[in-house]
């Protein structure tokens, strides 16, 4: 990652149970936003908020497919945070 990593902000972001659930759900591959909120039993607007927070942290990528927005994890960014945490804690 080119920009400075904010570990505290990362940990705060993934500590929110719904955001962590989104990241776990997307381990299975990319999903439409319309699949995420029913799976998590969240209102669509709350799901969108959490998706935006994760995207702002660069943990998610998105692309448009017609009218749908498809989300996926950015594995490179996630691995970068994992590496920094490992180096910090171990």
Protein backbone atom coordinates (compact mmCIF):
# COMPACT_ATOMS: atom_id res chain seq x y z
CA UNK A 1 0.00 0.00 0.00
CA UNK A 2 1.31 3.39 -0.92
CA UNK A 3 -0.50 5.43 1.71
CA UNK A 4 0.21 5.23 5.41
CA UNK A 5 -1.75 2.49 7.13
CA UNK A 6 -3.82 3.54 10.12
CA UNK A 7 -3.92 0.38 12.25
CA UNK A 8 -6.13 1.93 14.93
CA UNK A 9 -8.73 2.96 12.35
CA UNK A 10 -8.51 -0.49 10.71
CA UNK A 11 -9.10 -2.28 14.02
CA UNK A 12 -11.99 0.04 14.88
CA UNK A 13 -13.50 -0.58 11.46
CA UNK A 14 -13.38 -4.36 11.59
CA UNK A 15 -14.38 -4.47 15.27
CA UNK A 16 -17.92 -3.45 14.26
CA UNK A 17 -19.79 -6.79 14.03
CA UNK A 18 -21.69 -5.98 10.83
CA UNK A 19 -18.55 -4.91 8.99
CA UNK A 20 -16.72 -8.01 10.09
CA UNK A 21 -19.69 -10.09 8.94
CA UNK A 22 -19.57 -8.40 5.53
CA UNK A 23 -15.86 -9.18 5.19
CA UNK A 24 -16.50 -12.79 6.19
CA UNK A 25 -19.43 -13.12 3.78
CA UNK A 26 -17.29 -11.80 0.93
CA UNK A 27 -14.62 -14.44 1.59
CA UNK A 28 -16.78 -16.62 -0.64
CA UNK A 29 -16.30 -14.26 -3.57
CA UNK A 30 -17.84 -11.12 -4.93
CA UNK A 31 -21.46 -10.37 -4.17
CA UNK A 32 -24.08 -7.87 -5.27
CA UNK A 33 -25.06 -5.30 -2.64
CA UNK A 34 -28.57 -6.71 -3.01
CA UNK A 35 -27.29 -10.04 -1.61
CA UNK A 36 -25.45 -8.57 1.36
CA UNK A 37 -28.19 -6.83 3.34
CA UNK A 38 -30.61 -9.81 3.33
CA UNK A 39 -27.83 -12.19 4.37
CA UNK A 40 -26.94 -9.98 7.33
CA UNK A 41 -30.58 -9.16 8.11
CA UNK A 42 -29.82 -5.44 7.92
CA UNK A 43 -31.84 -2.63 6.40
CA UNK A 44 -30.46 -1.70 2.97
CA UNK A 45 -29.41 1.79 4.10
CA UNK A 46 -27.42 0.44 7.08
CA UNK A 47 -25.76 -2.16 4.88
CA UNK A 48 -24.81 0.61 2.42
CA UNK A 49 -23.29 2.64 5.24
CA UNK A 50 -21.09 -0.27 6.36
CA UNK A 51 -20.08 -1.02 2.76
CA UNK A 52 -19.03 2.61 2.31
CA UNK A 53 -16.93 2.56 5.49
CA UNK A 54 -15.17 -0.63 4.33
CA UNK A 55 -14.66 0.80 0.87
CA UNK A 56 -13.27 4.08 2.28
CA UNK A 57 -10.74 1.97 4.21
CA UNK A 58 -9.87 0.28 0.88
CA UNK A 59 -10.85 -3.12 2.31
CA UNK A 60 -13.48 -3.54 -0.40
CA UNK A 61 -13.55 -2.93 -4.13
CA UNK A 62 -16.70 -2.36 -6.13
CA UNK A 63 -17.76 -2.43 -9.74
CA UNK A 64 -20.98 -1.70 -11.53
CA UNK A 65 -22.78 -4.43 -13.48
CA UNK A 66 -25.79 -2.79 -15.08
CA UNK A 67 -27.84 -1.43 -12.20
CA UNK A 68 -26.11 -3.63 -9.62
CA UNK A 69 -23.04 -2.79 -7.57
CA UNK A 70 -20.80 -5.80 -7.01
CA UNK A 71 -18.46 -5.83 -3.99
CA UNK A 72 -15.36 -7.89 -3.33
CA UNK A 73 -12.59 -7.89 -0.77
CA UNK A 74 -9.29 -6.27 -1.63
CA UNK A 75 -7.10 -9.13 -0.53
CA UNK A 76 -3.86 -7.17 -1.04
CA UNK A 77 -4.96 -4.46 1.40
CA UNK A 78 -6.23 -7.01 3.92
CA UNK A 79 -2.93 -8.91 3.74
CA UNK A 80 -1.00 -5.67 4.21
CA UNK A 81 -2.87 -4.93 7.42
CA UNK A 82 -2.35 -8.51 8.60
CA UNK A 83 1.37 -8.21 7.96
CA UNK A 84 1.66 -4.95 9.89
CA UNK A 85 -0.31 -6.43 12.80
CA UNK A 86 1.86 -9.54 12.82
CA UNK A 87 5.04 -7.46 12.81
CA UNK A 88 3.67 -5.24 15.58
CA UNK A 89 2.36 -7.96 17.87
CA UNK A 90 4.77 -10.84 17.39
